[in-house]
N, C-alpha and C. Protein backbone atom coordinates (compact mmCIF):
# COMPACT_ATOMS: atom_id res chain seq x y z
N MET A 1 58.55 -17.13 58.46
CA MET A 1 56.88 -16.55 58.43
C MET A 1 57.02 -15.54 57.11
N THR A 2 55.89 -15.26 57.19
CA THR A 2 55.57 -14.35 55.95
C THR A 2 55.13 -12.98 55.75
N SER A 3 56.56 -12.02 55.57
CA SER A 3 56.44 -10.52 55.42
C SER A 3 55.66 -9.67 53.60
N LEU A 4 54.77 -8.64 54.19
CA LEU A 4 54.66 -8.17 53.29
C LEU A 4 55.15 -6.67 52.90
N TYR A 5 56.24 -6.36 52.17
CA TYR A 5 57.05 -5.39 51.62
C TYR A 5 55.97 -4.47 50.75
N ILE A 6 56.16 -2.70 50.95
CA ILE A 6 55.31 -1.43 50.26
C ILE A 6 55.95 -1.50 50.08
N ASP A 7 56.88 -0.73 48.66
CA ASP A 7 57.42 0.00 48.38
C ASP A 7 56.43 1.24 47.78
N ALA A 8 56.93 2.11 49.35
CA ALA A 8 55.46 3.22 49.67
C ALA A 8 55.49 4.27 48.93
N ASP A 9 56.81 5.59 48.10
CA ASP A 9 56.62 6.12 47.96
C ASP A 9 55.53 5.99 46.37
N ALA A 10 54.57 7.15 46.21
CA ALA A 10 53.99 6.62 45.23
C ALA A 10 53.30 5.30 45.06
N CYS A 11 52.85 4.58 45.50
CA CYS A 11 52.23 3.89 46.12
C CYS A 11 50.43 3.95 45.98
N PRO A 12 49.79 3.64 45.25
CA PRO A 12 48.35 4.15 45.43
C PRO A 12 47.59 2.96 46.60
N VAL A 13 48.17 1.76 46.61
CA VAL A 13 47.61 0.77 46.91
C VAL A 13 48.02 0.47 48.39
N LYS A 14 48.15 1.33 49.05
CA LYS A 14 48.90 0.92 50.27
C LYS A 14 47.68 0.53 51.24
N ALA A 15 46.31 1.14 51.72
CA ALA A 15 45.01 0.46 52.49
C ALA A 15 44.77 -1.28 51.79
N GLU A 16 44.55 -1.01 50.43
CA GLU A 16 44.59 -2.33 49.84
C GLU A 16 45.49 -3.67 50.60
N ALA A 17 46.36 -3.18 51.00
CA ALA A 17 47.98 -4.29 50.52
C ALA A 17 46.92 -4.30 52.60
N GLU A 18 47.38 -3.51 53.17
CA GLU A 18 46.97 -3.35 55.08
C GLU A 18 45.82 -4.55 54.67
N ARG A 19 44.60 -4.08 54.15
CA ARG A 19 43.48 -5.05 54.13
C ARG A 19 43.96 -6.35 53.97
N VAL A 20 44.28 -6.71 53.12
CA VAL A 20 44.90 -8.52 52.76
C VAL A 20 46.01 -8.78 53.74
N ALA A 21 47.00 -8.16 54.07
CA ALA A 21 47.75 -8.37 55.34
C ALA A 21 46.73 -8.77 56.40
N THR A 22 46.05 -7.81 56.98
CA THR A 22 45.21 -7.80 58.25
C THR A 22 44.90 -8.58 58.72
N ARG A 23 43.80 -9.68 57.19
CA ARG A 23 43.23 -10.54 56.89
C ARG A 23 43.72 -11.73 57.23
N HIS A 24 44.74 -11.79 56.76
CA HIS A 24 45.82 -12.63 56.68
C HIS A 24 47.11 -12.82 58.12
N ARG A 25 47.05 -12.14 59.02
CA ARG A 25 47.79 -11.75 60.36
C ARG A 25 48.96 -11.72 59.38
N VAL A 26 50.14 -10.62 58.83
CA VAL A 26 51.14 -10.85 58.24
C VAL A 26 51.34 -9.18 58.68
N ARG A 27 52.55 -9.45 58.87
CA ARG A 27 53.39 -8.06 59.15
C ARG A 27 53.67 -7.00 57.76
N MET A 28 53.59 -6.47 57.65
CA MET A 28 53.94 -5.42 56.71
C MET A 28 54.93 -4.41 57.03
N PHE A 29 55.43 -4.25 55.92
CA PHE A 29 56.47 -2.97 56.13
C PHE A 29 55.97 -1.71 55.24
N VAL A 30 55.83 -1.03 55.15
CA VAL A 30 55.89 1.04 54.11
C VAL A 30 57.31 1.31 54.45
N VAL A 31 57.95 1.61 53.63
CA VAL A 31 59.08 1.49 53.16
C VAL A 31 59.20 2.66 52.77
N SER A 32 59.59 3.87 53.08
CA SER A 32 59.61 5.07 52.07
C SER A 32 60.80 5.93 53.08
N ASN A 33 61.19 7.13 52.53
CA ASN A 33 62.21 8.22 52.20
C ASN A 33 61.61 9.40 53.46
N GLY A 34 59.71 9.48 53.77
CA GLY A 34 59.15 10.10 54.25
C GLY A 34 58.12 10.33 53.83
N GLY A 35 56.96 11.29 55.01
CA GLY A 35 56.06 11.88 54.25
C GLY A 35 54.58 10.64 54.10
N ILE A 36 55.27 9.86 55.05
CA ILE A 36 53.56 8.77 54.64
C ILE A 36 53.48 8.93 55.75
N ARG A 37 52.06 8.79 55.93
CA ARG A 37 51.38 9.07 57.85
C ARG A 37 50.92 6.95 58.31
N PRO A 38 52.16 7.01 59.39
CA PRO A 38 51.95 5.94 59.62
C PRO A 38 50.24 5.00 60.52
N SER A 39 50.40 4.23 59.90
CA SER A 39 49.22 2.73 60.24
C SER A 39 49.17 2.86 62.19
N ARG A 40 47.78 3.21 62.13
CA ARG A 40 47.40 2.43 63.90
C ARG A 40 47.16 0.73 64.06
N ASN A 41 47.41 0.27 62.54
CA ASN A 41 47.21 -1.12 63.28
C ASN A 41 48.70 -1.64 63.56
N PRO A 42 48.78 -2.14 64.45
CA PRO A 42 49.57 -3.47 65.01
C PRO A 42 50.64 -4.18 63.57
N LEU A 43 49.45 -4.93 63.08
CA LEU A 43 50.09 -5.57 62.46
C LEU A 43 51.77 -4.70 60.69
N VAL A 44 51.32 -3.59 60.87
CA VAL A 44 52.06 -2.36 60.16
C VAL A 44 53.04 -1.50 60.60
N GLU A 45 54.28 -1.81 59.99
CA GLU A 45 55.06 -1.24 60.63
C GLU A 45 55.66 -0.60 59.58
N THR A 46 55.90 1.00 59.64
CA THR A 46 56.00 1.98 59.07
C THR A 46 57.82 2.42 58.76
N VAL A 47 58.61 2.05 58.02
CA VAL A 47 60.25 2.60 58.17
C VAL A 47 60.94 3.38 57.07
N ILE A 48 60.94 4.47 57.75
CA ILE A 48 61.53 5.86 57.33
C ILE A 48 63.02 5.05 57.13
N VAL A 49 63.64 5.05 55.93
CA VAL A 49 64.95 5.09 55.47
C VAL A 49 65.65 6.69 54.72
N PRO A 50 67.01 6.93 55.06
CA PRO A 50 67.72 7.82 54.56
C PRO A 50 66.67 8.93 53.18
N ASP A 51 67.53 9.53 52.92
CA ASP A 51 67.47 10.40 51.47
C ASP A 51 68.06 9.94 50.83
N GLY A 52 67.81 9.19 49.66
CA GLY A 52 68.84 9.03 48.60
C GLY A 52 68.22 8.18 47.34
N PRO A 53 69.12 8.23 46.25
CA PRO A 53 68.56 7.28 45.47
C PRO A 53 68.28 5.67 45.53
N ASP A 54 67.48 5.33 45.71
CA ASP A 54 66.82 3.54 45.72
C ASP A 54 67.30 3.17 47.00
N VAL A 55 67.04 4.15 48.40
CA VAL A 55 67.16 3.92 49.05
C VAL A 55 66.28 2.80 50.40
N ALA A 56 65.56 3.03 49.95
CA ALA A 56 63.90 2.34 50.37
C ALA A 56 64.10 0.59 49.47
N ASP A 57 64.65 0.47 48.12
CA ASP A 57 64.67 -0.53 47.21
C ASP A 57 65.25 -1.09 48.30
N MET A 58 66.59 -0.60 48.41
CA MET A 58 68.04 -1.02 48.91
C MET A 58 67.34 -2.02 50.50
N TRP A 59 66.18 -1.31 50.77
CA TRP A 59 66.29 -1.62 52.54
C TRP A 59 64.75 -3.04 51.76
N ILE A 60 64.38 -2.62 51.09
CA ILE A 60 63.87 -4.05 51.13
C ILE A 60 64.75 -5.31 50.56
N ALA A 61 64.99 -5.15 49.32
CA ALA A 61 65.59 -6.29 48.41
C ALA A 61 66.66 -6.69 49.79
N GLU A 62 67.40 -6.47 50.71
CA GLU A 62 68.35 -7.53 51.26
C GLU A 62 67.42 -7.45 52.72
N ARG A 63 65.90 -7.45 52.53
CA ARG A 63 65.36 -8.27 53.56
C ARG A 63 64.81 -9.45 52.42
N ALA A 64 63.51 -9.18 51.39
CA ALA A 64 62.92 -9.84 51.01
C ALA A 64 62.88 -10.85 50.38
N GLY A 65 62.46 -11.91 50.79
CA GLY A 65 62.76 -13.81 49.91
C GLY A 65 61.94 -14.55 49.93
N ARG A 66 62.14 -15.67 49.84
CA ARG A 66 61.23 -17.02 49.70
C ARG A 66 60.00 -16.66 50.96
N GLY A 67 58.54 -16.72 50.80
CA GLY A 67 57.34 -16.78 51.67
C GLY A 67 57.33 -15.39 51.82
N ASP A 68 57.96 -14.43 51.08
CA ASP A 68 57.46 -13.54 51.52
C ASP A 68 56.77 -12.40 49.68
N VAL A 69 56.35 -11.29 50.28
CA VAL A 69 55.60 -10.43 49.22
C VAL A 69 56.01 -9.00 49.35
N VAL A 70 55.92 -8.76 48.08
CA VAL A 70 56.87 -7.11 47.85
C VAL A 70 55.74 -6.54 46.87
N VAL A 71 55.02 -5.47 46.78
CA VAL A 71 54.65 -4.71 46.45
C VAL A 71 55.52 -3.60 45.28
N THR A 72 55.54 -3.19 44.17
CA THR A 72 56.36 -2.11 43.76
C THR A 72 55.90 -2.04 42.51
N GLY A 73 56.50 -0.46 41.77
CA GLY A 73 56.46 -0.50 40.73
C GLY A 73 57.56 -0.55 39.92
N ASP A 74 58.86 -0.68 40.55
CA ASP A 74 59.67 -0.40 40.99
C ASP A 74 60.66 -1.78 39.92
N ILE A 75 60.65 -2.15 38.62
CA ILE A 75 61.25 -2.90 37.90
C ILE A 75 62.18 -4.00 38.51
N PRO A 76 63.71 -2.86 38.25
CA PRO A 76 64.93 -3.39 39.04
C PRO A 76 64.50 -3.70 40.67
N LEU A 77 64.28 -3.00 41.14
CA LEU A 77 63.64 -3.74 42.72
C LEU A 77 63.01 -5.07 42.45
N ALA A 78 61.96 -5.14 41.58
CA ALA A 78 61.01 -6.38 41.47
C ALA A 78 61.95 -7.03 40.99
N ALA A 79 63.21 -6.97 39.94
CA ALA A 79 63.90 -8.45 39.81
C ALA A 79 64.68 -8.36 41.33
N LYS A 80 65.30 -7.65 41.39
CA LYS A 80 66.26 -8.25 42.59
C LYS A 80 65.26 -9.11 43.23
N CYS A 81 63.94 -8.81 43.86
CA CYS A 81 63.21 -9.83 44.97
C CYS A 81 62.84 -10.99 44.18
N VAL A 82 62.68 -10.97 42.97
CA VAL A 82 62.11 -11.75 42.25
C VAL A 82 63.15 -12.87 42.42
N ALA A 83 64.40 -12.47 41.66
CA ALA A 83 65.84 -13.51 42.13
C ALA A 83 65.47 -13.85 43.89
N ALA A 84 65.44 -13.12 44.66
CA ALA A 84 65.84 -14.00 46.55
C ALA A 84 64.55 -14.84 46.57
N GLY A 85 63.41 -14.94 45.78
CA GLY A 85 62.61 -16.13 46.28
C GLY A 85 61.24 -14.87 46.38
N ALA A 86 61.15 -14.37 46.53
CA ALA A 86 59.60 -13.42 47.18
C ALA A 86 59.11 -13.03 45.52
N ARG A 87 57.63 -13.19 46.66
CA ARG A 87 56.85 -12.79 45.27
C ARG A 87 56.33 -11.45 44.71
N VAL A 88 56.66 -10.96 43.79
CA VAL A 88 56.03 -9.70 43.48
C VAL A 88 54.78 -8.95 43.31
N VAL A 89 53.85 -7.77 43.54
CA VAL A 89 52.93 -7.85 42.66
C VAL A 89 53.16 -6.15 42.92
N LYS A 90 52.63 -5.52 41.20
CA LYS A 90 52.62 -3.85 40.71
C LYS A 90 51.60 -3.74 41.02
N HIS A 91 51.52 -1.96 41.46
CA HIS A 91 50.06 -1.80 42.11
C HIS A 91 49.11 -2.17 40.99
N ASP A 92 48.80 -2.17 39.97
CA ASP A 92 47.88 -2.58 38.79
C ASP A 92 47.57 -4.01 38.99
N GLY A 93 48.49 -4.92 40.11
CA GLY A 93 47.59 -6.28 39.62
C GLY A 93 48.62 -7.49 38.62
N THR A 94 49.47 -7.03 37.90
CA THR A 94 50.70 -7.80 37.39
C THR A 94 50.91 -8.16 38.30
N VAL A 95 51.27 -9.91 38.03
CA VAL A 95 52.36 -10.63 39.51
C VAL A 95 53.55 -10.95 37.93
N LEU A 96 54.89 -10.39 38.87
CA LEU A 96 55.99 -10.50 38.43
C LEU A 96 56.67 -11.83 38.49
N THR A 97 57.07 -12.74 38.42
CA THR A 97 57.70 -14.02 38.30
C THR A 97 58.89 -14.17 37.34
N PRO A 98 60.02 -15.20 37.60
CA PRO A 98 60.82 -15.43 37.39
C PRO A 98 60.65 -15.48 35.75
N ALA A 99 59.64 -16.04 35.52
CA ALA A 99 59.20 -16.38 33.53
C ALA A 99 59.45 -15.06 33.48
N ASN A 100 57.93 -14.10 33.62
CA ASN A 100 58.52 -12.74 33.22
C ASN A 100 59.33 -11.31 33.62
N ILE A 101 59.81 -11.49 34.39
CA ILE A 101 60.69 -10.03 35.09
C ILE A 101 61.33 -9.84 34.03
N GLY A 102 62.80 -10.99 33.37
CA GLY A 102 63.85 -10.31 32.44
C GLY A 102 63.08 -10.27 30.99
N THR A 103 61.46 -10.20 30.54
CA THR A 103 61.25 -9.16 29.10
C THR A 103 60.52 -8.06 30.12
N ILE A 104 60.38 -8.20 30.63
CA ILE A 104 59.34 -6.34 31.57
C ILE A 104 61.20 -5.61 32.15
N LEU A 105 62.19 -6.45 32.46
CA LEU A 105 63.34 -5.72 32.93
C LEU A 105 63.73 -5.04 31.23
N ALA A 106 63.86 -6.01 29.83
CA ALA A 106 64.53 -5.68 28.96
C ALA A 106 63.62 -4.19 28.33
N THR A 107 61.91 -4.70 28.53
CA THR A 107 61.26 -3.96 27.85
C THR A 107 61.24 -2.11 28.69
N ARG A 108 61.90 -2.58 29.65
CA ARG A 108 62.15 -1.22 30.56
C ARG A 108 63.21 -0.71 30.35
N ASP A 109 63.64 -0.90 29.78
CA ASP A 109 65.45 -0.39 29.97
C ASP A 109 65.11 0.22 28.19
N LEU A 110 64.44 -0.90 27.44
CA LEU A 110 65.02 -0.15 25.84
C LEU A 110 63.25 1.70 26.00
N MET A 111 62.66 1.00 26.87
CA MET A 111 61.76 2.11 26.86
C MET A 111 62.69 3.53 27.74
N THR A 112 63.17 3.20 28.32
CA THR A 112 64.36 4.22 29.16
C THR A 112 65.14 4.66 27.85
N ASP A 113 65.86 4.76 27.30
CA ASP A 113 66.47 4.60 26.49
C ASP A 113 66.47 5.20 25.28
N LEU A 114 64.75 4.93 24.06
CA LEU A 114 63.78 5.86 23.55
C LEU A 114 63.41 6.73 23.95
N ARG A 115 63.70 6.88 25.33
CA ARG A 115 62.72 8.64 25.74
C ARG A 115 64.01 9.30 26.30
N ALA A 116 65.31 9.07 26.24
CA ALA A 116 66.36 9.92 26.35
C ALA A 116 67.09 9.86 25.18
N ALA A 117 66.77 9.01 23.75
CA ALA A 117 67.20 9.32 23.00
C ALA A 117 66.19 10.63 22.09
N ASP A 118 65.27 10.52 22.51
CA ASP A 118 64.23 11.86 22.03
C ASP A 118 63.34 12.33 23.15
N PRO A 119 63.78 13.49 23.12
CA PRO A 119 63.10 14.79 24.77
C PRO A 119 62.00 14.93 24.01
N PHE A 120 60.97 14.64 23.31
CA PHE A 120 59.99 15.02 23.17
C PHE A 120 59.12 13.93 23.39
N ARG A 121 60.37 12.51 23.07
CA ARG A 121 58.32 11.41 23.68
C ARG A 121 58.44 11.76 25.39
N GLN A 122 57.52 11.75 25.87
CA GLN A 122 56.73 11.84 26.82
C GLN A 122 56.42 10.91 27.18
N GLY A 123 56.41 10.44 28.78
CA GLY A 123 56.50 9.26 29.05
C GLY A 123 54.82 8.98 29.80
N GLY A 124 54.73 8.73 30.87
CA GLY A 124 53.20 8.76 31.67
C GLY A 124 52.73 7.50 31.57
N GLY A 125 52.08 6.63 30.62
CA GLY A 125 51.23 6.00 30.58
C GLY A 125 49.62 6.55 31.20
N ARG A 126 48.16 4.91 30.93
CA ARG A 126 47.25 5.40 31.94
C ARG A 126 47.48 5.85 32.85
N PRO A 127 46.46 6.27 33.17
CA PRO A 127 45.81 6.71 34.86
C PRO A 127 45.65 5.24 35.59
N PHE A 128 45.70 5.89 37.08
CA PHE A 128 45.15 4.48 37.56
C PHE A 128 43.83 3.90 37.80
N SER A 129 43.29 2.62 37.46
CA SER A 129 41.57 2.99 37.29
C SER A 129 41.11 1.50 38.34
N LYS A 130 40.01 1.79 38.59
CA LYS A 130 39.10 0.73 39.68
C LYS A 130 39.42 -0.16 39.40
N ALA A 131 39.55 -0.89 37.44
CA ALA A 131 40.29 -1.88 37.66
C ALA A 131 41.03 -2.27 38.08
N ASP A 132 42.51 -1.43 37.98
CA ASP A 132 43.65 -1.81 38.64
C ASP A 132 43.52 -2.27 40.19
N ARG A 133 42.93 -0.91 40.60
CA ARG A 133 42.67 -1.17 42.15
C ARG A 133 41.95 -3.11 42.52
N SER A 134 41.21 -3.58 41.85
CA SER A 134 40.39 -4.62 41.66
C SER A 134 41.42 -6.28 41.18
N ARG A 135 41.92 -5.45 40.56
CA ARG A 135 43.24 -6.38 39.70
C ARG A 135 44.02 -7.34 41.21
N PHE A 136 44.62 -5.96 41.12
CA PHE A 136 45.55 -5.76 42.18
C PHE A 136 45.08 -6.82 43.93
N LEU A 137 43.83 -6.26 44.19
CA LEU A 137 42.92 -7.25 45.36
C LEU A 137 43.65 -8.87 44.76
N ASP A 138 42.83 -9.02 44.02
CA ASP A 138 42.65 -10.19 43.49
C ASP A 138 44.36 -11.14 43.13
N ALA A 139 45.26 -9.91 42.61
CA ALA A 139 46.37 -10.79 42.96
C ALA A 139 46.88 -10.47 44.64
N MET A 140 46.82 -9.73 45.01
CA MET A 140 47.50 -9.67 46.38
C MET A 140 46.81 -11.03 47.19
N GLU A 141 45.41 -11.65 47.01
CA GLU A 141 45.38 -12.60 48.22
C GLU A 141 45.90 -13.75 47.58
N ARG A 142 45.83 -13.68 46.22
CA ARG A 142 46.48 -14.90 45.88
C ARG A 142 47.85 -15.86 45.71
N GLU A 143 48.48 -14.37 45.79
CA GLU A 143 49.86 -13.90 46.34
C GLU A 143 50.47 -14.29 47.65
N VAL A 144 50.04 -13.78 48.73
CA VAL A 144 49.99 -13.92 49.96
C VAL A 144 49.20 -15.27 50.51
N ARG A 145 48.87 -15.84 49.90
CA ARG A 145 48.00 -16.85 50.00
C ARG A 145 49.66 -18.19 49.87
N ALA A 146 49.58 -17.90 48.19
CA ALA A 146 50.63 -18.96 48.12
C ALA A 146 52.15 -18.45 49.26
N ALA A 147 52.43 -17.60 49.24
CA ALA A 147 53.45 -16.85 49.96
C ALA A 147 53.31 -17.89 50.82
N MET A 148 52.50 -17.35 52.18
CA MET A 148 52.49 -18.55 53.23
C MET A 148 52.82 -19.89 53.50
N LYS A 149 52.28 -20.13 52.04
CA LYS A 149 52.65 -22.02 52.50
C LYS A 149 53.92 -22.54 51.40
N GLU A 150 54.83 -21.55 51.15
CA GLU A 150 56.20 -21.78 51.08
C GLU A 150 56.90 -21.19 52.37
N ALA A 151 56.82 -20.14 52.94
CA ALA A 151 57.52 -19.68 54.02
C ALA A 151 58.02 -20.60 54.92
N PRO A 152 59.70 -20.23 54.66
CA PRO A 152 60.16 -20.76 56.12
C PRO A 152 59.63 -20.92 57.31
N LYS A 153 59.44 -22.02 57.99
CA LYS A 153 58.81 -22.21 59.27
C LYS A 153 59.55 -21.89 60.55
């Protein structure tokens, strides 16, 4: 059975993911270390994990696998989930796959090293846009449908 896992800390698309999960009657786990308002939707379970580095990521990585979809912007978590066979979608609609996760992980590590070497280099990135939200919804719809087809019965 397909499940949807949301790495909920700083996730701007929880409501959109819930709409897709509800449309397909897929159980959704919203995982964080607190501060998230629980949904009244019976398909949505709010999971509060203890404080600590990467505890929410570990909870998701231990459970996500073939036939599941994970929503995260955390590239190391995405790499673990892709390796376990899960489908992964970033908040902007980028789909992470076995074909592209290695390059994305290497780029992330390189940028981390560059920022560490130059304290004046400020990260940040572009603001989240309506186009990102639309791309996310399209990608979620495709990935949930595909995950449902490949989920173990």
